[in-house]
C-alpha cells in the first residue's frame, strides 16, 4: 500500500471516529435536553398543582367566610326581629299596667298590698310621686305609725317598704314585677338580654 492509500485510510478512520464521537455527543446532548425538558415539565406541573391548591384553599376560605357572615347576619336579623316582637309584647304589658294604675281598682290593690305586707313601726313607704295623693287612704290601712315618701325609681306604680333603720327594703312595685317577668322570660327561654 502506498502512502496515499494509507493516508486515505487514516483520514477515513479519523472521520468515522469523529462522526461516531459527534453522534455520541449529539445523543448525549439530546438525552440531557430530554431530561431537562422532563424535569422542567415536572417542576411546572408541581408548581401548577401547588398554585391550584393554594387558589382552591383561598376560594374555599372566602366561601366559608362569606357563608359564616351570611349565617351570622341571618341569625342577628332573626334575633333582632324576635327581640322587637318581645319588646312589643312587653310594651303592651307595660301599657296595661300603666292603665291599671289609673283605674279605681289600683287604690284598692295598694291597700290590699299593704295589708298583705304590713309595715313595721316607723317604716317608710316609698311610692311614685302621683301616688302620694292616695297616701291618706293607705295610712288608714296600716295599724302602725309610718311615713310615706316619693321615690323617683318607681315609674309604673306599687310601693316599697323601707325599714326604719334603712337596712331592709321590700320591693312590691309594678316596676320590679315587670322587670322580673322580662328577666324570667329571657332566662326560661335561654336567650340573652333581659334589660327592662
N, C-alpha and C. Protein backbone atom coordinates (compact mmCIF):
# COMPACT_ATOMS: atom_id res chain seq x y z
N UNK A 1 0.83 -1.14 0.00
CA UNK A 1 0.00 0.00 0.00
C UNK A 1 0.89 1.23 0.00
N UNK A 2 0.43 2.07 -0.76
CA UNK A 2 1.26 3.25 -0.83
C UNK A 2 0.80 4.28 0.19
N UNK A 3 1.49 5.31 0.25
CA UNK A 3 1.27 6.31 1.28
C UNK A 3 -0.05 7.02 1.09
N UNK A 4 -0.41 7.14 -0.18
CA UNK A 4 -1.66 7.82 -0.46
C UNK A 4 -2.81 7.00 0.09
N UNK A 5 -2.83 5.74 -0.09
CA UNK A 5 -3.90 4.87 0.40
C UNK A 5 -3.90 4.85 1.92
N UNK A 6 -2.72 4.81 2.49
CA UNK A 6 -2.65 4.79 3.95
C UNK A 6 -3.22 6.09 4.49
N UNK A 7 -2.91 7.18 3.84
CA UNK A 7 -3.41 8.47 4.28
C UNK A 7 -4.92 8.51 4.14
N UNK A 8 -5.44 8.00 3.02
CA UNK A 8 -6.88 7.97 2.81
C UNK A 8 -7.54 7.10 3.87
N UNK A 9 -6.94 5.98 4.12
CA UNK A 9 -7.49 5.07 5.11
C UNK A 9 -7.46 5.73 6.51
N UNK A 10 -6.36 6.38 6.81
CA UNK A 10 -6.24 7.03 8.11
C UNK A 10 -7.27 8.15 8.23
N UNK A 11 -7.46 8.92 7.17
CA UNK A 11 -8.43 10.02 7.19
C UNK A 11 -9.84 9.47 7.30
N UNK A 12 -10.10 8.37 6.62
CA UNK A 12 -11.41 7.74 6.70
C UNK A 12 -11.68 7.25 8.11
N UNK A 13 -10.65 6.68 8.73
CA UNK A 13 -10.78 6.16 10.08
C UNK A 13 -11.01 7.31 11.06
N UNK A 14 -10.28 8.40 10.88
CA UNK A 14 -10.43 9.56 11.76
C UNK A 14 -11.82 10.15 11.56
N UNK A 15 -12.27 10.20 10.31
CA UNK A 15 -13.60 10.75 10.02
C UNK A 15 -14.68 9.91 10.67
N UNK A 16 -14.56 8.57 10.55
CA UNK A 16 -15.55 7.68 11.18
C UNK A 16 -15.53 7.85 12.68
N UNK A 17 -14.33 7.95 13.21
CA UNK A 17 -14.19 8.11 14.66
C UNK A 17 -14.79 9.45 15.10
N UNK A 18 -14.55 10.49 14.35
CA UNK A 18 -15.07 11.82 14.67
C UNK A 18 -16.59 11.82 14.53
N UNK A 19 -17.10 11.19 13.48
CA UNK A 19 -18.55 11.12 13.27
C UNK A 19 -19.21 10.34 14.41
N UNK A 20 -18.54 9.26 14.84
CA UNK A 20 -19.07 8.47 15.95
C UNK A 20 -19.08 9.32 17.23
N UNK A 21 -17.98 10.06 17.43
CA UNK A 21 -17.88 10.92 18.62
C UNK A 21 -18.96 12.00 18.55
N UNK A 22 -19.14 12.58 17.38
CA UNK A 22 -20.17 13.62 17.20
C UNK A 22 -21.54 13.02 17.47
N UNK A 23 -21.78 11.81 16.97
CA UNK A 23 -23.07 11.14 17.17
C UNK A 23 -23.30 10.89 18.66
N UNK A 24 -22.25 10.41 19.36
CA UNK A 24 -22.38 10.18 20.81
C UNK A 24 -22.67 11.50 21.55
N UNK A 25 -21.96 12.56 21.16
CA UNK A 25 -22.16 13.88 21.81
C UNK A 25 -23.57 14.38 21.53
N UNK A 26 -24.01 14.17 20.28
CA UNK A 26 -25.36 14.59 19.89
C UNK A 26 -26.39 13.84 20.69
N UNK A 27 -26.23 12.51 20.83
CA UNK A 27 -27.18 11.69 21.60
C UNK A 27 -27.16 12.08 23.08
N UNK A 28 -25.95 12.33 23.59
CA UNK A 28 -25.84 12.75 24.99
C UNK A 28 -26.54 14.09 25.20
N UNK A 29 -26.34 15.02 24.24
CA UNK A 29 -26.98 16.34 24.33
C UNK A 29 -28.49 16.21 24.23
N UNK A 30 -28.95 15.35 23.32
CA UNK A 30 -30.39 15.14 23.19
C UNK A 30 -30.97 14.51 24.45
N UNK A 31 -30.23 13.54 25.02
CA UNK A 31 -30.68 12.90 26.27
C UNK A 31 -30.73 13.92 27.40
N UNK A 32 -29.69 14.75 27.46
CA UNK A 32 -29.64 15.78 28.50
C UNK A 32 -30.77 16.79 28.31
N UNK A 33 -31.00 17.17 27.04
CA UNK A 33 -32.09 18.10 26.74
C UNK A 33 -33.44 17.48 27.11
N UNK A 34 -33.61 16.19 26.78
CA UNK A 34 -34.87 15.50 27.12
C UNK A 34 -35.05 15.44 28.63
N UNK A 35 -33.96 15.20 29.37
CA UNK A 35 -34.01 15.15 30.84
C UNK A 35 -34.37 16.53 31.40
N UNK A 36 -33.74 17.57 30.84
CA UNK A 36 -34.06 18.95 31.27
C UNK A 36 -35.53 19.27 31.00
N UNK A 37 -36.00 18.90 29.83
CA UNK A 37 -37.41 19.15 29.49
C UNK A 37 -38.33 18.40 30.44
N UNK A 38 -38.00 17.12 30.72
CA UNK A 38 -38.80 16.31 31.63
C UNK A 38 -38.81 16.94 33.03
N UNK A 39 -37.63 17.33 33.56
CA UNK A 39 -37.54 17.94 34.89
C UNK A 39 -38.32 19.26 34.93
N UNK A 40 -38.18 20.06 33.86
CA UNK A 40 -38.90 21.33 33.79
C UNK A 40 -40.40 21.10 33.76
N UNK A 41 -40.85 20.11 32.98
CA UNK A 41 -42.27 19.79 32.93
C UNK A 41 -42.78 19.33 34.30
N UNK A 42 -41.98 18.49 34.97
CA UNK A 42 -42.38 18.00 36.31
C UNK A 42 -42.44 19.17 37.29
N UNK A 43 -41.42 20.05 37.24
CA UNK A 43 -41.38 21.21 38.13
C UNK A 43 -42.57 22.13 37.84
N UNK A 44 -42.86 22.37 36.58
CA UNK A 44 -44.01 23.22 36.19
C UNK A 44 -45.32 22.59 36.65
N UNK A 45 -45.42 21.27 36.47
CA UNK A 45 -46.64 20.58 36.89
C UNK A 45 -46.80 20.67 38.41
N UNK A 46 -45.68 20.51 39.16
CA UNK A 46 -45.74 20.59 40.63
C UNK A 46 -46.11 22.01 41.06
N UNK A 47 -45.47 23.02 40.44
CA UNK A 47 -45.79 24.41 40.78
C UNK A 47 -47.24 24.73 40.41
N UNK A 48 -47.68 24.24 39.28
CA UNK A 48 -49.06 24.46 38.86
C UNK A 48 -50.02 23.82 39.85
N UNK A 49 -49.69 22.60 40.30
CA UNK A 49 -50.54 21.91 41.27
C UNK A 49 -50.57 22.68 42.59
N UNK A 50 -49.40 23.22 43.02
CA UNK A 50 -49.35 23.99 44.26
C UNK A 50 -50.17 25.27 44.13
N UNK A 51 -50.02 25.95 43.00
CA UNK A 51 -50.79 27.18 42.78
C UNK A 51 -52.29 26.87 42.75
N UNK A 52 -52.63 25.78 42.12
CA UNK A 52 -54.03 25.37 42.06
C UNK A 52 -54.55 25.05 43.46
N UNK A 53 -53.75 24.35 44.25
CA UNK A 53 -54.14 24.02 45.62
C UNK A 53 -54.31 25.28 46.46
N UNK A 54 -53.36 26.23 46.33
CA UNK A 54 -53.47 27.50 47.06
C UNK A 54 -54.70 28.28 46.62
N UNK A 55 -54.95 28.32 45.32
CA UNK A 55 -56.12 29.03 44.80
C UNK A 55 -57.41 28.40 45.33
N UNK A 56 -57.44 27.05 45.33
CA UNK A 56 -58.63 26.36 45.86
C UNK A 56 -58.82 26.69 47.34
N UNK A 57 -57.69 26.69 48.09
CA UNK A 57 -57.77 26.98 49.53
C UNK A 57 -58.28 28.41 49.76
N UNK A 58 -57.80 29.37 48.95
CA UNK A 58 -58.26 30.75 49.10
C UNK A 58 -59.75 30.86 48.79
N UNK A 59 -60.16 30.22 47.71
CA UNK A 59 -61.57 30.27 47.31
C UNK A 59 -62.43 29.61 48.39
N UNK A 60 -61.98 28.48 48.91
CA UNK A 60 -62.71 27.78 49.96
C UNK A 60 -62.80 28.65 51.21
N UNK A 61 -61.68 29.30 51.58
CA UNK A 61 -61.67 30.17 52.77
C UNK A 61 -62.63 31.34 52.57
N UNK A 62 -62.61 31.95 51.37
CA UNK A 62 -63.52 33.06 51.10
C UNK A 62 -64.97 32.60 51.16
N UNK A 63 -65.24 31.42 50.61
CA UNK A 63 -66.60 30.87 50.60
C UNK A 63 -67.05 30.62 52.05
N UNK A 64 -66.18 30.01 52.84
CA UNK A 64 -66.56 29.73 54.24
C UNK A 64 -66.79 31.03 55.01
N UNK A 65 -65.93 32.01 54.77
CA UNK A 65 -66.08 33.29 55.46
C UNK A 65 -67.40 33.94 55.06
N UNK A 66 -67.70 33.92 53.77
CA UNK A 66 -68.94 34.50 53.27
C UNK A 66 -70.15 33.79 53.87
N UNK A 67 -70.09 32.44 53.90
CA UNK A 67 -71.18 31.67 54.48
C UNK A 67 -71.32 31.96 55.96
N UNK A 68 -70.20 32.09 56.65
CA UNK A 68 -70.23 32.40 58.07
C UNK A 68 -70.85 33.77 58.31
N UNK A 69 -70.44 34.76 57.50
CA UNK A 69 -71.01 36.10 57.63
C UNK A 69 -72.50 36.09 57.34
N UNK A 70 -72.88 35.37 56.30
CA UNK A 70 -74.30 35.28 55.95
C UNK A 70 -75.09 34.63 57.08
N UNK A 71 -74.54 33.54 57.63
CA UNK A 71 -75.20 32.87 58.75
C UNK A 71 -75.31 33.78 59.95
N UNK A 72 -74.23 34.51 60.24
CA UNK A 72 -74.23 35.43 61.38
C UNK A 72 -75.25 36.54 61.17
N UNK A 73 -75.27 37.10 59.95
CA UNK A 73 -76.22 38.17 59.66
C UNK A 73 -77.66 37.67 59.75
N UNK A 74 -77.90 36.46 59.28
CA UNK A 74 -79.25 35.89 59.36
C UNK A 74 -79.66 35.69 60.81
N UNK A 75 -78.74 35.14 61.59
CA UNK A 75 -79.04 34.90 63.00
C UNK A 75 -79.27 36.21 63.73
N UNK A 76 -78.43 37.21 63.43
CA UNK A 76 -78.58 38.51 64.07
C UNK A 76 -79.92 39.13 63.70
N UNK A 77 -80.29 39.03 62.42
CA UNK A 77 -81.58 39.59 61.98
C UNK A 77 -82.74 38.87 62.67
N UNK A 78 -82.64 37.55 62.78
CA UNK A 78 -83.70 36.78 63.43
C UNK A 78 -83.80 37.15 64.92
N UNK A 79 -82.65 37.30 65.58
CA UNK A 79 -82.67 37.68 66.99
C UNK A 79 -83.21 39.10 67.17
N UNK A 80 -82.85 39.99 66.26
CA UNK A 80 -83.35 41.36 66.34
C UNK A 80 -84.87 41.38 66.16
N UNK A 81 -85.36 40.60 65.21
CA UNK A 81 -86.80 40.53 64.97
C UNK A 81 -87.51 39.95 66.20
N UNK A 82 -86.94 38.87 66.76
CA UNK A 82 -87.55 38.25 67.93
C UNK A 82 -87.54 39.22 69.11
N UNK A 83 -86.43 39.95 69.27
CA UNK A 83 -86.34 40.92 70.36
C UNK A 83 -87.37 42.03 70.16
N UNK A 84 -87.53 42.50 68.92
CA UNK A 84 -88.51 43.55 68.63
C UNK A 84 -89.93 43.07 68.96
N UNK A 85 -90.25 41.84 68.57
CA UNK A 85 -91.57 41.29 68.88
C UNK A 85 -91.77 41.15 70.38
N UNK A 86 -90.73 40.69 71.06
CA UNK A 86 -90.80 40.54 72.51
C UNK A 86 -91.02 41.90 73.17
N UNK A 87 -90.31 42.90 72.69
CA UNK A 87 -90.47 44.24 73.27
C UNK A 87 -91.87 44.79 72.99
N UNK A 88 -92.46 44.43 71.84
CA UNK A 88 -93.84 44.84 71.57
C UNK A 88 -94.78 44.22 72.59
N UNK A 89 -94.58 42.93 72.85
CA UNK A 89 -95.44 42.23 73.82
C UNK A 89 -95.28 42.86 75.20
N UNK A 90 -94.03 43.10 75.61
CA UNK A 90 -93.81 43.67 76.94
C UNK A 90 -94.22 45.14 76.99
N UNK A 91 -94.18 45.84 75.87
CA UNK A 91 -94.68 47.22 75.84
C UNK A 91 -96.18 47.22 76.07
N UNK A 92 -96.89 46.24 75.49
CA UNK A 92 -98.34 46.12 75.73
C UNK A 92 -98.61 45.83 77.20
N UNK A 93 -97.79 44.96 77.79
CA UNK A 93 -97.94 44.65 79.22
C UNK A 93 -97.72 45.91 80.05
N UNK A 94 -96.68 46.67 79.71
CA UNK A 94 -96.39 47.90 80.45
C UNK A 94 -97.56 48.88 80.30
N UNK A 95 -98.12 48.97 79.11
CA UNK A 95 -99.26 49.86 78.88
C UNK A 95 -100.45 49.42 79.74
N UNK A 96 -100.69 48.13 79.79
CA UNK A 96 -101.81 47.61 80.61
C UNK A 96 -101.57 47.90 82.09
N UNK A 97 -100.32 47.76 82.53
CA UNK A 97 -100.01 48.07 83.93
C UNK A 97 -100.22 49.55 84.22
N UNK A 98 -99.80 50.39 83.28
CA UNK A 98 -99.99 51.84 83.44
C UNK A 98 -101.48 52.18 83.48
N UNK A 99 -102.26 51.56 82.61
CA UNK A 99 -103.71 51.78 82.61
C UNK A 99 -104.32 51.33 83.93
N UNK A 100 -103.82 50.21 84.48
CA UNK A 100 -104.31 49.71 85.77
C UNK A 100 -104.05 50.74 86.86
N UNK A 101 -102.88 51.40 86.84
CA UNK A 101 -102.57 52.36 87.90
C UNK A 101 -103.44 53.61 87.82
N UNK A 102 -104.12 53.79 86.70
CA UNK A 102 -105.01 54.96 86.55
C UNK A 102 -106.46 54.59 86.86
N UNK A 103 -106.70 53.32 87.18
CA UNK A 103 -108.07 52.88 87.46
C UNK A 103 -108.38 52.98 88.95
N UNK A 104 -109.65 52.82 89.27
CA UNK A 104 -110.07 52.85 90.69
C UNK A 104 -109.62 51.60 91.43
N UNK A 105 -109.47 50.49 90.73
CA UNK A 105 -109.03 49.25 91.38
C UNK A 105 -107.60 49.36 91.93
N UNK A 106 -106.84 50.29 91.37
CA UNK A 106 -105.44 50.43 91.78
C UNK A 106 -105.34 50.81 93.25
N UNK A 107 -106.16 51.74 93.70
CA UNK A 107 -106.12 52.15 95.10
C UNK A 107 -106.45 50.97 96.01
N UNK A 108 -107.48 50.20 95.66
CA UNK A 108 -107.84 49.03 96.45
C UNK A 108 -106.70 47.99 96.45
N UNK A 109 -106.06 47.85 95.30
CA UNK A 109 -104.94 46.90 95.20
C UNK A 109 -103.78 47.35 96.11
N UNK A 110 -103.52 48.66 96.16
CA UNK A 110 -102.46 49.18 97.02
C UNK A 110 -102.78 48.94 98.49
N UNK A 111 -104.06 49.13 98.86
CA UNK A 111 -104.47 48.88 100.25
C UNK A 111 -104.30 47.41 100.59
N UNK A 112 -104.73 46.54 99.68
CA UNK A 112 -104.58 45.10 99.96
C UNK A 112 -103.10 44.70 99.98
N UNK A 113 -102.28 45.37 99.20
CA UNK A 113 -100.84 45.11 99.21
C UNK A 113 -100.24 45.46 100.57
N UNK A 114 -100.67 46.58 101.11
CA UNK A 114 -100.18 46.98 102.45
C UNK A 114 -100.67 46.03 103.53
N UNK A 115 -101.87 45.52 103.38
CA UNK A 115 -102.38 44.56 104.36
C UNK A 115 -101.64 43.23 104.25
N UNK A 116 -101.29 42.86 103.05
CA UNK A 116 -100.58 41.60 102.83
C UNK A 116 -99.12 41.70 103.31
N UNK A 117 -98.52 42.87 103.16
CA UNK A 117 -97.13 43.10 103.58
C UNK A 117 -97.13 44.30 104.53
N UNK A 118 -97.61 44.11 105.75
CA UNK A 118 -97.74 45.26 106.67
C UNK A 118 -96.37 45.82 107.08
N UNK A 119 -96.28 47.14 107.13
CA UNK A 119 -95.03 47.75 107.57
C UNK A 119 -94.89 47.65 109.08
N UNK A 120 -93.65 47.83 109.53
CA UNK A 120 -93.39 47.86 110.96
C UNK A 120 -93.37 49.31 111.41
N UNK A 121 -93.25 49.53 112.71
CA UNK A 121 -93.26 50.88 113.27
C UNK A 121 -92.14 51.71 112.63
N UNK A 122 -92.50 52.92 112.22
CA UNK A 122 -91.59 53.91 111.64
C UNK A 122 -90.97 53.51 110.29
N UNK A 123 -91.51 52.51 109.63
CA UNK A 123 -91.04 52.18 108.29
C UNK A 123 -91.42 53.31 107.34
N UNK A 124 -90.72 53.39 106.23
CA UNK A 124 -91.02 54.40 105.21
C UNK A 124 -91.59 53.67 104.00
N UNK A 125 -92.74 54.12 103.57
CA UNK A 125 -93.37 53.51 102.40
C UNK A 125 -93.08 54.43 101.21
N UNK A 126 -92.39 53.83 100.22
CA UNK A 126 -91.96 54.59 99.05
C UNK A 126 -92.95 54.38 97.91
N UNK A 127 -93.44 55.49 97.35
CA UNK A 127 -94.43 55.46 96.27
C UNK A 127 -93.94 56.34 95.12
N UNK A 128 -94.59 56.20 93.98
CA UNK A 128 -94.31 57.17 92.92
C UNK A 128 -94.97 58.49 93.30
N UNK A 129 -94.52 59.56 92.72
CA UNK A 129 -94.99 60.91 93.05
C UNK A 129 -96.52 61.02 92.97
N UNK A 130 -97.10 60.48 91.90
CA UNK A 130 -98.57 60.55 91.71
C UNK A 130 -99.34 59.86 92.82
N UNK A 131 -98.75 58.79 93.39
CA UNK A 131 -99.46 58.00 94.39
C UNK A 131 -99.46 58.65 95.77
N UNK A 132 -98.71 59.73 95.95
CA UNK A 132 -98.76 60.42 97.25
C UNK A 132 -100.16 60.98 97.51
N UNK A 133 -100.93 61.16 96.44
CA UNK A 133 -102.31 61.63 96.59
C UNK A 133 -103.22 60.63 97.31
N UNK A 134 -102.87 59.35 97.29
CA UNK A 134 -103.70 58.35 97.99
C UNK A 134 -103.03 57.89 99.30
N UNK A 135 -102.00 58.63 99.73
CA UNK A 135 -101.27 58.27 100.94
C UNK A 135 -102.18 58.24 102.17
N UNK A 136 -103.14 59.18 102.25
CA UNK A 136 -104.05 59.21 103.40
C UNK A 136 -104.89 57.94 103.47
N UNK A 137 -105.37 57.47 102.32
CA UNK A 137 -106.16 56.22 102.31
C UNK A 137 -105.28 55.03 102.69
N UNK A 138 -104.03 55.07 102.26
CA UNK A 138 -103.11 53.98 102.58
C UNK A 138 -102.76 53.98 104.06
N UNK A 139 -102.67 55.19 104.68
CA UNK A 139 -102.36 55.29 106.12
C UNK A 139 -103.45 54.61 106.94
N UNK A 140 -104.68 54.73 106.49
CA UNK A 140 -105.80 54.11 107.20
C UNK A 140 -105.71 52.59 107.17
N UNK A 141 -105.02 52.05 106.16
CA UNK A 141 -104.93 50.59 106.03
C UNK A 141 -103.85 49.99 106.92
N UNK A 142 -102.95 50.80 107.44
CA UNK A 142 -101.88 50.27 108.31
C UNK A 142 -102.19 50.60 109.76
N UNK A 143 -101.74 49.72 110.63
CA UNK A 143 -102.07 49.89 112.04
C UNK A 143 -100.91 50.45 112.86
N UNK A 144 -99.80 50.77 112.23
CA UNK A 144 -98.64 51.30 112.95
C UNK A 144 -98.25 52.63 112.32
N UNK A 145 -97.58 53.49 113.08
CA UNK A 145 -97.14 54.76 112.51
C UNK A 145 -96.02 54.53 111.49
N UNK A 146 -96.18 55.15 110.35
CA UNK A 146 -95.16 55.06 109.30
C UNK A 146 -95.29 56.30 108.42
N UNK A 147 -94.29 56.53 107.60
CA UNK A 147 -94.35 57.71 106.73
C UNK A 147 -94.37 57.29 105.26
N UNK A 148 -94.82 58.21 104.45
CA UNK A 148 -94.92 57.97 103.01
C UNK A 148 -94.02 58.99 102.31
N UNK A 149 -93.28 58.49 101.31
CA UNK A 149 -92.34 59.37 100.61
C UNK A 149 -92.31 59.00 99.13
N UNK A 150 -92.07 59.99 98.28
CA UNK A 150 -91.97 59.75 96.84
C UNK A 150 -90.62 59.10 96.51
N UNK A 151 -90.65 58.19 95.57
CA UNK A 151 -89.42 57.52 95.12
C UNK A 151 -89.38 57.61 93.59
N UNK A 152 -88.38 58.31 93.07
CA UNK A 152 -88.29 58.53 91.61
C UNK A 152 -88.01 57.25 90.83
N UNK A 153 -87.58 56.19 91.51
CA UNK A 153 -87.31 54.94 90.79
C UNK A 153 -88.60 54.17 90.51
N UNK A 154 -89.68 54.52 91.20
CA UNK A 154 -90.96 53.87 90.94
C UNK A 154 -91.63 54.64 89.80
N UNK A 155 -91.67 54.02 88.63
CA UNK A 155 -92.22 54.69 87.44
C UNK A 155 -93.65 54.23 87.14
N UNK A 156 -93.88 52.91 87.25
CA UNK A 156 -95.20 52.38 86.89
C UNK A 156 -96.16 52.50 88.07
N UNK A 157 -95.78 51.96 89.20
CA UNK A 157 -96.65 52.03 90.37
C UNK A 157 -96.26 50.98 91.40
N UNK A 158 -97.09 50.87 92.43
CA UNK A 158 -96.80 49.94 93.52
C UNK A 158 -96.06 50.66 94.63
N UNK A 159 -95.47 49.88 95.53
CA UNK A 159 -94.78 50.51 96.66
C UNK A 159 -93.62 49.64 97.14
N UNK A 160 -92.72 50.29 97.85
CA UNK A 160 -91.62 49.61 98.52
C UNK A 160 -91.70 50.00 99.98
N UNK A 161 -91.32 49.06 100.86
CA UNK A 161 -91.34 49.35 102.29
C UNK A 161 -89.90 49.31 102.78
N UNK A 162 -89.42 50.46 103.22
CA UNK A 162 -88.05 50.60 103.71
C UNK A 162 -88.09 50.58 105.24
N UNK A 163 -87.28 49.70 105.84
CA UNK A 163 -87.29 49.59 107.30
C UNK A 163 -86.77 50.89 107.91
N UNK A 164 -87.12 51.12 109.18
CA UNK A 164 -86.75 52.35 109.87
C UNK A 164 -85.23 52.52 109.91
N UNK A 165 -84.50 51.41 110.05
CA UNK A 165 -83.04 51.50 110.10
C UNK A 165 -82.42 51.58 108.70
N UNK A 166 -83.21 51.43 107.66
CA UNK A 166 -82.73 51.55 106.28
C UNK A 166 -81.99 50.33 105.77
N UNK A 167 -82.01 49.21 106.50
CA UNK A 167 -81.27 48.02 106.10
C UNK A 167 -82.10 47.04 105.28
N UNK A 168 -83.40 47.11 105.37
CA UNK A 168 -84.26 46.19 104.63
C UNK A 168 -85.23 46.96 103.76
N UNK A 169 -85.52 46.38 102.61
CA UNK A 169 -86.48 47.02 101.72
C UNK A 169 -87.29 45.93 101.03
N UNK A 170 -88.59 45.99 101.20
CA UNK A 170 -89.48 45.06 100.50
C UNK A 170 -89.99 45.75 99.24
N UNK A 171 -89.59 45.25 98.10
CA UNK A 171 -89.97 45.90 96.84
C UNK A 171 -91.23 45.22 96.31
N UNK A 172 -92.31 45.94 96.33
CA UNK A 172 -93.60 45.44 95.84
C UNK A 172 -94.12 46.34 94.73
N UNK A 173 -93.18 46.84 93.92
CA UNK A 173 -93.57 47.75 92.85
C UNK A 173 -93.94 46.97 91.59
N UNK A 174 -94.78 47.58 90.79
CA UNK A 174 -95.11 47.01 89.49
C UNK A 174 -93.89 47.06 88.57
N UNK A 175 -93.02 48.04 88.82
CA UNK A 175 -91.78 48.15 88.04
C UNK A 175 -90.93 46.89 88.21
N UNK A 176 -90.79 46.46 89.46
CA UNK A 176 -89.98 45.27 89.74
C UNK A 176 -90.67 44.02 89.21
N UNK A 177 -91.98 43.95 89.33
CA UNK A 177 -92.71 42.79 88.81
C UNK A 177 -92.55 42.70 87.29
N UNK A 178 -92.64 43.85 86.63
CA UNK A 178 -92.47 43.90 85.16
C UNK A 178 -91.05 43.45 84.78
N UNK A 179 -90.05 44.01 85.45
CA UNK A 179 -88.65 43.66 85.16
C UNK A 179 -88.40 42.18 85.44
N UNK A 180 -88.99 41.65 86.51
CA UNK A 180 -88.81 40.23 86.84
C UNK A 180 -89.44 39.35 85.76
N UNK A 181 -90.59 39.74 85.25
CA UNK A 181 -91.23 38.97 84.17
C UNK A 181 -90.35 38.93 82.94
N UNK A 182 -89.77 40.06 82.60
CA UNK A 182 -88.90 40.14 81.43
C UNK A 182 -87.65 39.29 81.65
N UNK A 183 -87.02 39.40 82.81
CA UNK A 183 -85.84 38.58 83.13
C UNK A 183 -86.17 37.10 83.09
N UNK A 184 -87.30 36.74 83.70
CA UNK A 184 -87.70 35.32 83.72
C UNK A 184 -87.96 34.80 82.32
N UNK A 185 -88.57 35.62 81.47
CA UNK A 185 -88.83 35.19 80.11
C UNK A 185 -87.51 34.88 79.40
N UNK A 186 -86.56 35.80 79.51
CA UNK A 186 -85.25 35.59 78.87
C UNK A 186 -84.56 34.35 79.44
N UNK A 187 -84.61 34.22 80.77
CA UNK A 187 -83.94 33.09 81.41
C UNK A 187 -84.61 31.77 81.04
N UNK A 188 -85.93 31.73 81.07
CA UNK A 188 -86.66 30.48 80.78
C UNK A 188 -86.51 30.05 79.32
N UNK A 189 -86.34 31.01 78.43
CA UNK A 189 -86.19 30.69 77.02
C UNK A 189 -84.74 30.70 76.57
N UNK A 190 -83.85 30.85 77.54
CA UNK A 190 -82.40 30.78 77.30
C UNK A 190 -81.96 31.67 76.14
N UNK A 191 -82.36 32.92 76.22
CA UNK A 191 -81.90 33.90 75.25
C UNK A 191 -81.27 35.06 76.01
N UNK A 192 -80.38 35.78 75.35
CA UNK A 192 -79.68 36.88 76.00
C UNK A 192 -80.59 38.08 76.18
N UNK A 193 -80.20 38.97 77.06
CA UNK A 193 -80.97 40.21 77.27
C UNK A 193 -81.59 40.22 78.63
N UNK A 194 -82.75 40.81 78.73
CA UNK A 194 -83.47 40.85 79.99
C UNK A 194 -83.43 42.21 80.64
N UNK A 195 -82.96 43.24 79.91
CA UNK A 195 -82.96 44.57 80.50
C UNK A 195 -84.37 45.14 80.39
N UNK A 196 -84.78 45.79 81.41
CA UNK A 196 -86.14 46.36 81.41
C UNK A 196 -86.18 47.63 80.61
